[in-house]
PDB file of N, CA and C in Angstrom:
ATOM      1  N   UNK A   1     117.650  95.300  73.649  1.00  0.00           N
ATOM      2  CA  UNK A   1     117.581  94.029  72.979  1.00  0.00           C
ATOM      3  C   UNK A   1     117.233  92.918  73.951  1.00  0.00           C
ATOM      4  N   UNK A   2     117.323  91.718  73.474  1.00  0.00           N
ATOM      5  CA  UNK A   2     116.992  90.544  74.267  1.00  0.00           C
ATOM      6  C   UNK A   2     118.195  90.117  75.096  1.00  0.00           C
ATOM      7  N   UNK A   3     118.054  90.129  76.433  1.00  0.00           N
ATOM      8  CA  UNK A   3     119.149  89.750  77.328  1.00  0.00           C
ATOM      9  C   UNK A   3     119.075  88.290  77.755  1.00  0.00           C
ATOM     10  N   UNK A   4     118.164  87.508  77.204  1.00  0.00           N
ATOM     11  CA  UNK A   4     118.051  86.095  77.545  1.00  0.00           C
ATOM     12  C   UNK A   4     119.144  85.305  76.851  1.00  0.00           C
ATOM     13  N   UNK A   5     119.644  84.268  77.528  1.00  0.00           N
ATOM     14  CA  UNK A   5     120.615  83.398  76.857  1.00  0.00           C
ATOM     15  C   UNK A   5     119.988  82.761  75.623  1.00  0.00           C
ATOM     16  N   UNK A   6     120.833  82.311  74.715  1.00  0.00           N
ATOM     17  CA  UNK A   6     120.348  81.737  73.464  1.00  0.00           C
ATOM     18  C   UNK A   6     119.467  80.507  73.672  1.00  0.00           C
ATOM     19  N   UNK A   7     119.711  79.759  74.752  1.00  0.00           N
ATOM     20  CA  UNK A   7     118.899  78.562  74.972  1.00  0.00           C
ATOM     21  C   UNK A   7     117.537  78.891  75.588  1.00  0.00           C
ATOM     22  N   UNK A   8     117.244  80.173  75.849  1.00  0.00           N
ATOM     23  CA  UNK A   8     115.941  80.593  76.361  1.00  0.00           C
ATOM     24  C   UNK A   8     115.778  80.465  77.858  1.00  0.00           C
ATOM     25  N   UNK A   9     116.776  79.966  78.538  1.00  0.00           N
ATOM     26  CA  UNK A   9     116.692  79.795  79.983  1.00  0.00           C
ATOM     27  C   UNK A   9     117.010  81.098  80.703  1.00  0.00           C
ATOM     28  N   UNK A  10     116.378  81.262  81.815  1.00  0.00           N
ATOM     29  CA  UNK A  10     116.649  82.418  82.664  1.00  0.00           C
ATOM     30  C   UNK A  10     117.467  81.922  83.837  1.00  0.00           C
ATOM     31  N   UNK A  11     118.576  82.565  84.096  1.00  0.00           N
ATOM     32  CA  UNK A  11     119.442  82.178  85.211  1.00  0.00           C
ATOM     33  C   UNK A  11     118.891  82.811  86.483  1.00  0.00           C
ATOM     34  N   UNK A  12     118.302  81.977  87.336  1.00  0.00           N
ATOM     35  CA  UNK A  12     117.719  82.457  88.575  1.00  0.00           C
ATOM     36  C   UNK A  12     118.476  81.905  89.768  1.00  0.00           C
ATOM     37  N   UNK A  13     118.656  82.738  90.744  1.00  0.00           N
ATOM     38  CA  UNK A  13     119.277  82.328  91.991  1.00  0.00           C
ATOM     39  C   UNK A  13     118.191  81.725  92.871  1.00  0.00           C
ATOM     40  N   UNK A  14     118.353  80.470  93.253  1.00  0.00           N
ATOM     41  CA  UNK A  14     117.332  79.758  94.019  1.00  0.00           C
ATOM     42  C   UNK A  14     116.986  80.486  95.323  1.00  0.00           C
ATOM     43  N   UNK A  15     118.002  80.973  96.034  1.00  0.00           N
ATOM     44  CA  UNK A  15     117.754  81.677  97.294  1.00  0.00           C
ATOM     45  C   UNK A  15     116.953  82.953  97.077  1.00  0.00           C
ATOM     46  N   UNK A  16     117.268  83.652  96.011  1.00  0.00           N
ATOM     47  CA  UNK A  16     116.558  84.896  95.695  1.00  0.00           C
ATOM     48  C   UNK A  16     115.090  84.609  95.361  1.00  0.00           C
ATOM     49  N   UNK A  17     114.862  83.556  94.587  1.00  0.00           N
ATOM     50  CA  UNK A  17     113.491  83.181  94.223  1.00  0.00           C
ATOM     51  C   UNK A  17     112.716  82.757  95.470  1.00  0.00           C
ATOM     52  N   UNK A  18     113.360  81.951  96.330  1.00  0.00           N
ATOM     53  CA  UNK A  18     112.706  81.489  97.554  1.00  0.00           C
ATOM     54  C   UNK A  18     112.351  82.662  98.463  1.00  0.00           C
ATOM     55  N   UNK A  19     113.276  83.590  98.618  1.00  0.00           N
ATOM     56  CA  UNK A  19     113.037  84.762  99.465  1.00  0.00           C
ATOM     57  C   UNK A  19     111.921  85.630  98.884  1.00  0.00           C
ATOM     58  N   UNK A  20     111.922  85.805  97.571  1.00  0.00           N
ATOM     59  CA  UNK A  20     110.882  86.599  96.924  1.00  0.00           C
ATOM     60  C   UNK A  20     109.506  85.965  97.072  1.00  0.00           C
ATOM     61  N   UNK A  21     109.453  84.654  96.896  1.00  0.00           N
ATOM     62  CA  UNK A  21     108.184  83.950  97.049  1.00  0.00           C
ATOM     63  C   UNK A  21     107.710  84.015  98.491  1.00  0.00           C
ATOM     64  N   UNK A  22     108.628  83.795  99.435  1.00  0.00           N
ATOM     65  CA  UNK A  22     108.278  83.878 100.856  1.00  0.00           C
ATOM     66  C   UNK A  22     107.773  85.277 101.197  1.00  0.00           C
ATOM     67  N   UNK A  23     108.411  86.283 100.649  1.00  0.00           N
ATOM     68  CA  UNK A  23     107.990  87.665 100.889  1.00  0.00           C
ATOM     69  C   UNK A  23     106.563  87.896 100.390  1.00  0.00           C
ATOM     70  N   UNK A  24     106.266  87.400  99.206  1.00  0.00           N
ATOM     71  CA  UNK A  24     104.933  87.560  98.643  1.00  0.00           C
ATOM     72  C   UNK A  24     103.882  86.838  99.486  1.00  0.00           C
ATOM     73  N   UNK A  25     104.155  85.595  99.847  1.00  0.00           N
ATOM     74  CA  UNK A  25     103.204  84.815 100.643  1.00  0.00           C
ATOM     75  C   UNK A  25     103.009  85.458 102.020  1.00  0.00           C
ATOM     76  N   UNK A  26     104.098  85.845 102.669  1.00  0.00           N
ATOM     77  CA  UNK A  26     103.986  86.466 103.994  1.00  0.00           C
ATOM     78  C   UNK A  26     103.294  87.820 103.928  1.00  0.00           C
ATOM     79  N   UNK A  27     103.436  88.528 102.816  1.00  0.00           N
ATOM     80  CA  UNK A  27     102.720  89.797 102.654  1.00  0.00           C
ATOM     81  C   UNK A  27     101.211  89.548 102.648  1.00  0.00           C
ATOM     82  N   UNK A  28     100.772  88.548 101.916  1.00  0.00           N
ATOM     83  CA  UNK A  28      99.341  88.217 101.866  1.00  0.00           C
ATOM     84  C   UNK A  28      98.855  87.772 103.243  1.00  0.00           C
ATOM     85  N   UNK A  29      99.634  86.930 103.918  1.00  0.00           N
ATOM     86  CA  UNK A  29      99.255  86.459 105.250  1.00  0.00           C
ATOM     87  C   UNK A  29      99.196  87.630 106.229  1.00  0.00           C
ATOM     88  N   UNK A  30     100.148  88.544 106.149  1.00  0.00           N
ATOM     89  CA  UNK A  30     100.158  89.708 107.043  1.00  0.00           C
ATOM     90  C   UNK A  30      98.949  90.609 106.778  1.00  0.00           C
ATOM     91  N   UNK A  31      98.609  90.795 105.520  1.00  0.00           N
ATOM     92  CA  UNK A  31      97.428  91.589 105.184  1.00  0.00           C
ATOM     93  C   UNK A  31      96.178  90.963 105.793  1.00  0.00           C
ATOM     94  N   UNK A  32      96.025  89.659 105.641  1.00  0.00           N
ATOM     95  CA  UNK A  32      94.869  88.957 106.216  1.00  0.00           C
ATOM     96  C   UNK A  32      94.881  89.018 107.741  1.00  0.00           C
ATOM     97  N   UNK A  33      96.071  88.875 108.347  1.00  0.00           N
ATOM     98  CA  UNK A  33      96.190  88.944 109.801  1.00  0.00           C
ATOM     99  C   UNK A  33      95.729  90.304 110.317  1.00  0.00           C
ATOM    100  N   UNK A  34      96.154  91.357 109.638  1.00  0.00           N
ATOM    101  CA  UNK A  34      95.752  92.701 110.058  1.00  0.00           C
ATOM    102  C   UNK A  34      94.250  92.930 109.879  1.00  0.00           C
ATOM    103  N   UNK A  35      93.683  92.410 108.801  1.00  0.00           N
ATOM    104  CA  UNK A  35      92.243  92.542 108.588  1.00  0.00           C
ATOM    105  C   UNK A  35      91.451  91.811 109.672  1.00  0.00           C
ATOM    106  N   UNK A  36      91.885  90.595 110.007  1.00  0.00           N
ATOM    107  CA  UNK A  36      91.213  89.816 111.056  1.00  0.00           C
ATOM    108  C   UNK A  36      91.343  90.529 112.399  1.00  0.00           C
ATOM    109  N   UNK A  37      92.517  91.071 112.664  1.00  0.00           N
ATOM    110  CA  UNK A  37      92.733  91.795 113.921  1.00  0.00           C
ATOM    111  C   UNK A  37      91.813  93.014 114.020  1.00  0.00           C
ATOM    112  N   UNK A  38      91.695  93.763 112.947  1.00  0.00           N
ATOM    113  CA  UNK A  38      90.797  94.940 112.961  1.00  0.00           C
ATOM    114  C   UNK A  38      89.346  94.536 113.172  1.00  0.00           C
ATOM    115  N   UNK A  39      88.941  93.469 112.496  1.00  0.00           N
ATOM    116  CA  UNK A  39      87.565  92.992 112.655  1.00  0.00           C
ATOM    117  C   UNK A  39      87.320  92.537 114.088  1.00  0.00           C
ATOM    118  N   UNK A  40      88.289  91.838 114.667  1.00  0.00           N
ATOM    119  CA  UNK A  40      88.153  91.381 116.056  1.00  0.00           C
ATOM    120  C   UNK A  40      88.047  92.576 117.002  1.00  0.00           C
ATOM    121  N   UNK A  41      88.869  93.590 116.784  1.00  0.00           N
ATOM    122  CA  UNK A  41      88.811  94.780 117.643  1.00  0.00           C
ATOM    123  C   UNK A  41      87.467  95.502 117.510  1.00  0.00           C
ATOM    124  N   UNK A  42      86.926  95.535 116.309  1.00  0.00           N
ATOM    125  CA  UNK A  42      85.589  96.141 116.128  1.00  0.00           C
ATOM    126  C   UNK A  42      84.538  95.383 116.931  1.00  0.00           C
ATOM    127  N   UNK A  43      84.626  94.052 116.872  1.00  0.00           N
ATOM    128  CA  UNK A  43      83.646  93.241 117.619  1.00  0.00           C
ATOM    129  C   UNK A  43      83.811  93.418 119.121  1.00  0.00           C
ATOM    130  N   UNK A  44      85.044  93.551 119.578  1.00  0.00           N
ATOM    131  CA  UNK A  44      85.287  93.799 121.001  1.00  0.00           C
ATOM    132  C   UNK A  44      84.698  95.161 121.384  1.00  0.00           C
ATOM    133  N   UNK A  45      84.943  96.179 120.552  1.00  0.00           N
ATOM    134  CA  UNK A  45      84.425  97.524 120.830  1.00  0.00           C
ATOM    135  C   UNK A  45      82.901  97.559 120.878  1.00  0.00           C
ATOM    136  N   UNK A  46      82.272  96.781 120.005  1.00  0.00           N
ATOM    137  CA  UNK A  46      80.811  96.729 119.968  1.00  0.00           C
ATOM    138  C   UNK A  46      80.265  96.004 121.193  1.00  0.00           C
ATOM    139  N   UNK A  47      81.058  95.083 121.725  1.00  0.00           N
ATOM    140  CA  UNK A  47      80.651  94.369 122.932  1.00  0.00           C
ATOM    141  C   UNK A  47      79.829  93.127 122.677  1.00  0.00           C
ATOM    142  N   UNK A  48      79.919  92.560 121.471  1.00  0.00           N
ATOM    143  CA  UNK A  48      79.118  91.365 121.191  1.00  0.00           C
ATOM    144  C   UNK A  48      79.911  90.066 121.375  1.00  0.00           C
ATOM    145  N   UNK A  49      81.014  90.134 122.141  1.00  0.00           N
ATOM    146  CA  UNK A  49      81.803  88.940 122.441  1.00  0.00           C
ATOM    147  C   UNK A  49      81.860  88.723 123.949  1.00  0.00           C
ATOM    148  N   UNK A  50      81.884  87.466 124.332  1.00  0.00           N
ATOM    149  CA  UNK A  50      82.022  87.159 125.757  1.00  0.00           C
ATOM    150  C   UNK A  50      83.479  87.390 126.176  1.00  0.00           C
ATOM    151  N   UNK A  51      83.717  87.450 127.476  1.00  0.00           N
ATOM    152  CA  UNK A  51      85.076  87.633 127.989  1.00  0.00           C
ATOM    153  C   UNK A  51      85.974  86.482 127.527  1.00  0.00           C
ATOM    154  N   UNK A  52      85.418  85.281 127.498  1.00  0.00           N
ATOM    155  CA  UNK A  52      86.183  84.112 127.052  1.00  0.00           C
ATOM    156  C   UNK A  52      86.572  84.240 125.577  1.00  0.00           C
ATOM    157  N   UNK A  53      85.654  84.704 124.750  1.00  0.00           N
ATOM    158  CA  UNK A  53      85.940  84.890 123.324  1.00  0.00           C
ATOM    159  C   UNK A  53      87.007  85.969 123.120  1.00  0.00           C
ATOM    160  N   UNK A  54      86.923  87.044 123.879  1.00  0.00           N
ATOM    161  CA  UNK A  54      87.909  88.116 123.775  1.00  0.00           C
ATOM    162  C   UNK A  54      89.290  87.578 124.143  1.00  0.00           C
ATOM    163  N   UNK A  55      89.356  86.813 125.216  1.00  0.00           N
ATOM    164  CA  UNK A  55      90.624  86.222 125.655  1.00  0.00           C
ATOM    165  C   UNK A  55      91.187  85.290 124.585  1.00  0.00           C
ATOM    166  N   UNK A  56      90.348  84.447 124.024  1.00  0.00           N
ATOM    167  CA  UNK A  56      90.781  83.484 123.001  1.00  0.00           C
ATOM    168  C   UNK A  56      91.267  84.210 121.739  1.00  0.00           C
ATOM    169  N   UNK A  57      90.553  85.237 121.333  1.00  0.00           N
ATOM    170  CA  UNK A  57      90.963  86.013 120.160  1.00  0.00           C
ATOM    171  C   UNK A  57      92.307  86.684 120.413  1.00  0.00           C
ATOM    172  N   UNK A  58      92.456  87.259 121.593  1.00  0.00           N
ATOM    173  CA  UNK A  58      93.712  87.927 121.933  1.00  0.00           C
ATOM    174  C   UNK A  58      94.890  86.972 121.900  1.00  0.00           C
ATOM    175  N   UNK A  59      94.724  85.807 122.497  1.00  0.00           N
ATOM    176  CA  UNK A  59      95.797  84.815 122.511  1.00  0.00           C
ATOM    177  C   UNK A  59      96.123  84.318 121.095  1.00  0.00           C
ATOM    178  N   UNK A  60      95.101  84.113 120.305  1.00  0.00           N
ATOM    179  CA  UNK A  60      95.296  83.646 118.928  1.00  0.00           C
ATOM    180  C   UNK A  60      96.034  84.683 118.100  1.00  0.00           C
ATOM    181  N   UNK A  61      95.635  85.947 118.228  1.00  0.00           N
ATOM    182  CA  UNK A  61      96.299  87.008 117.465  1.00  0.00           C
ATOM    183  C   UNK A  61      97.749  87.184 117.898  1.00  0.00           C
ATOM    184  N   UNK A  62      98.021  87.064 119.188  1.00  0.00           N
ATOM    185  CA  UNK A  62      99.405  87.166 119.664  1.00  0.00           C
ATOM    186  C   UNK A  62     100.248  86.010 119.131  1.00  0.00           C
ATOM    187  N   UNK A  63      99.690  84.803 119.133  1.00  0.00           N
ATOM    188  CA  UNK A  63     100.417  83.635 118.625  1.00  0.00           C
ATOM    189  C   UNK A  63     100.695  83.787 117.128  1.00  0.00           C
ATOM    190  N   UNK A  64      99.724  84.281 116.399  1.00  0.00           N
ATOM    191  CA  UNK A  64      99.905  84.475 114.959  1.00  0.00           C
ATOM    192  C   UNK A  64     100.971  85.537 114.686  1.00  0.00           C
ATOM    193  N   UNK A  65     100.965  86.597 115.452  1.00  0.00           N
ATOM    194  CA  UNK A  65     101.981  87.641 115.286  1.00  0.00           C
ATOM    195  C   UNK A  65     103.382  87.091 115.592  1.00  0.00           C
ATOM    196  N   UNK A  66     103.493  86.268 116.629  1.00  0.00           N
ATOM    197  CA  UNK A  66     104.773  85.633 116.968  1.00  0.00           C
ATOM    198  C   UNK A  66     105.253  84.739 115.832  1.00  0.00           C
ATOM    199  N   UNK A  67     104.349  83.944 115.299  1.00  0.00           N
ATOM    200  CA  UNK A  67     104.715  83.031 114.205  1.00  0.00           C
ATOM    201  C   UNK A  67     105.157  83.810 112.974  1.00  0.00           C
ATOM    202  N   UNK A  68     104.483  84.916 112.684  1.00  0.00           N
ATOM    203  CA  UNK A  68     104.881  85.757 111.553  1.00  0.00           C
ATOM    204  C   UNK A  68     106.299  86.288 111.766  1.00  0.00           C
ATOM    205  N   UNK A  69     106.613  86.704 112.989  1.00  0.00           N
ATOM    206  CA  UNK A  69     107.960  87.199 113.288  1.00  0.00           C
ATOM    207  C   UNK A  69     108.993  86.087 113.072  1.00  0.00           C
ATOM    208  N   UNK A  70     108.674  84.870 113.493  1.00  0.00           N
ATOM    209  CA  UNK A  70     109.576  83.734 113.294  1.00  0.00           C
ATOM    210  C   UNK A  70     109.807  83.467 111.804  1.00  0.00           C
ATOM    211  N   UNK A  71     108.743  83.518 111.025  1.00  0.00           N
ATOM    212  CA  UNK A  71     108.868  83.268 109.588  1.00  0.00           C
ATOM    213  C   UNK A  71     109.659  84.373 108.896  1.00  0.00           C
ATOM    214  N   UNK A  72     109.412  85.623 109.287  1.00  0.00           N
ATOM    215  CA  UNK A  72     110.194  86.727 108.713  1.00  0.00           C
ATOM    216  C   UNK A  72     111.682  86.536 109.021  1.00  0.00           C
ATOM    217  N   UNK A  73     111.969  86.170 110.262  1.00  0.00           N
ATOM    218  CA  UNK A  73     113.362  85.960 110.657  1.00  0.00           C
ATOM    219  C   UNK A  73     113.978  84.808 109.866  1.00  0.00           C
ATOM    220  N   UNK A  74     113.236  83.722 109.718  1.00  0.00           N
ATOM    221  CA  UNK A  74     113.731  82.559 108.973  1.00  0.00           C
ATOM    222  C   UNK A  74     114.136  82.934 107.544  1.00  0.00           C
ATOM    223  N   UNK A  75     113.354  83.779 106.903  1.00  0.00           N
ATOM    224  CA  UNK A  75     113.617  84.162 105.515  1.00  0.00           C
ATOM    225  C   UNK A  75     114.420  85.457 105.403  1.00  0.00           C
ATOM    226  N   UNK A  76     114.847  86.001 106.548  1.00  0.00           N
ATOM    227  CA  UNK A  76     115.661  87.216 106.518  1.00  0.00           C
ATOM    228  C   UNK A  76     114.897  88.438 106.062  1.00  0.00           C
ATOM    229  N   UNK A  77     113.643  88.526 106.452  1.00  0.00           N
ATOM    230  CA  UNK A  77     112.790  89.646 106.049  1.00  0.00           C
ATOM    231  C   UNK A  77     112.483  90.547 107.243  1.00  0.00           C
ATOM    232  N   UNK A  78     112.345  91.815 106.965  1.00  0.00           N
ATOM    233  CA  UNK A  78     111.929  92.783 107.987  1.00  0.00           C
ATOM    234  C   UNK A  78     110.441  93.070 107.768  1.00  0.00           C
ATOM    235  N   UNK A  79     109.751  93.571 108.782  1.00  0.00           N
ATOM    236  CA  UNK A  79     108.326  93.896 108.595  1.00  0.00           C
ATOM    237  C   UNK A  79     108.090  94.817 107.400  1.00  0.00           C
ATOM    238  N   UNK A  80     108.978  95.784 107.198  1.00  0.00           N
ATOM    239  CA  UNK A  80     108.785  96.718 106.081  1.00  0.00           C
ATOM    240  C   UNK A  80     108.994  96.055 104.721  1.00  0.00           C
ATOM    241  N   UNK A  81     109.661  94.894 104.686  1.00  0.00           N
ATOM    242  CA  UNK A  81     109.819  94.160 103.426  1.00  0.00           C
ATOM    243  C   UNK A  81     108.486  93.604 102.924  1.00  0.00           C
ATOM    244  N   UNK A  82     107.519  93.481 103.820  1.00  0.00           N
ATOM    245  CA  UNK A  82     106.218  92.916 103.445  1.00  0.00           C
ATOM    246  C   UNK A  82     105.238  93.990 102.985  1.00  0.00           C
ATOM    247  N   UNK A  83     105.643  95.241 103.029  1.00  0.00           N
ATOM    248  CA  UNK A  83     104.746  96.329 102.673  1.00  0.00           C
ATOM    249  C   UNK A  83     105.011  96.771 101.239  1.00  0.00           C
ATOM    250  N   UNK A  84     104.298  96.172 100.314  1.00  0.00           N
ATOM    251  CA  UNK A  84     104.480  96.442  98.891  1.00  0.00           C
ATOM    252  C   UNK A  84     104.035  97.862  98.572  1.00  0.00           C
ATOM    253  N   UNK A  85     104.861  98.569  97.814  1.00  0.00           N
ATOM    254  CA  UNK A  85     104.526  99.929  97.386  1.00  0.00           C
ATOM    255  C   UNK A  85     103.635  99.842  96.150  1.00  0.00           C
ATOM    256  N   UNK A  86     102.437 100.378  96.254  1.00  0.00           N
ATOM    257  CA  UNK A  86     101.476 100.325  95.148  1.00  0.00           C
ATOM    258  C   UNK A  86     101.503 101.596  94.306  1.00  0.00           C
ATOM    259  N   UNK A  87     102.624 102.274  94.307  1.00  0.00           N
ATOM    260  CA  UNK A  87     102.773 103.487  93.504  1.00  0.00           C
ATOM    261  C   UNK A  87     101.882 104.598  94.003  1.00  0.00           C
ATOM    262  N   UNK A  88     101.047 105.150  93.112  1.00  0.00           N
ATOM    263  CA  UNK A  88     100.204 106.282  93.506  1.00  0.00           C
ATOM    264  C   UNK A  88      99.182 105.949  94.604  1.00  0.00           C
ATOM    265  N   UNK A  89      98.902 104.664  94.787  1.00  0.00           N
ATOM    266  CA  UNK A  89      97.958 104.260  95.840  1.00  0.00           C
ATOM    267  C   UNK A  89      98.616 104.214  97.212  1.00  0.00           C
ATOM    268  N   UNK A  90      99.945 104.212  97.232  1.00  0.00           N
ATOM    269  CA  UNK A  90     100.668 104.153  98.487  1.00  0.00           C
ATOM    270  C   UNK A  90     100.985 102.728  98.881  1.00  0.00           C
ATOM    271  N   UNK A  91     101.404 102.522 100.133  1.00  0.00           N
ATOM    272  CA  UNK A  91     101.778 101.170 100.579  1.00  0.00           C
ATOM    273  C   UNK A  91     100.556 100.280 100.761  1.00  0.00           C
ATOM    274  N   UNK A  92     100.761  98.986 100.590  1.00  0.00           N
ATOM    275  CA  UNK A  92      99.670  98.015 100.759  1.00  0.00           C
ATOM    276  C   UNK A  92      99.173  97.960 102.202  1.00  0.00           C
ATOM    277  N   UNK A  93     100.136  97.896 103.138  1.00  0.00           N
ATOM    278  CA  UNK A  93      99.801  97.794 104.546  1.00  0.00           C
ATOM    279  C   UNK A  93      99.922  99.153 105.214  1.00  0.00           C
ATOM    280  N   UNK A  94      99.037  99.423 106.164  1.00  0.00           N
ATOM    281  CA  UNK A  94      99.168 100.708 106.879  1.00  0.00           C
ATOM    282  C   UNK A  94     100.457 100.731 107.677  1.00  0.00           C
ATOM    283  N   UNK A  95     101.050 101.898 107.754  1.00  0.00           N
ATOM    284  CA  UNK A  95     102.276 102.044 108.558  1.00  0.00           C
ATOM    285  C   UNK A  95     101.863 102.413 109.960  1.00  0.00           C
ATOM    286  N   UNK A  96     102.219 101.544 110.903  1.00  0.00           N
ATOM    287  CA  UNK A  96     101.835 101.771 112.295  1.00  0.00           C
ATOM    288  C   UNK A  96     102.789 102.682 112.999  1.00  0.00           C
TER     289      UNK A  96
END
């Protein structure tokens, strides 16, 4: 049957909603971060970047990874919390 209160409101815990939203946003950011990192590594492997560009990319990726760790910690999330299970397709993010 219908488990909603008679007034139609859903009782939501603000902290739970905030954590869930943060998890979703950080999952998307982590997916993009990993894609950018893979693309950068491909370009490094191909050799079409200067030493300065390689250094800058490396520093940027390390800083982004650090910031992601800070945000996960702030919201009480573990790296595996960002890996959404897509059922028969498997996890969204590769398991390293």
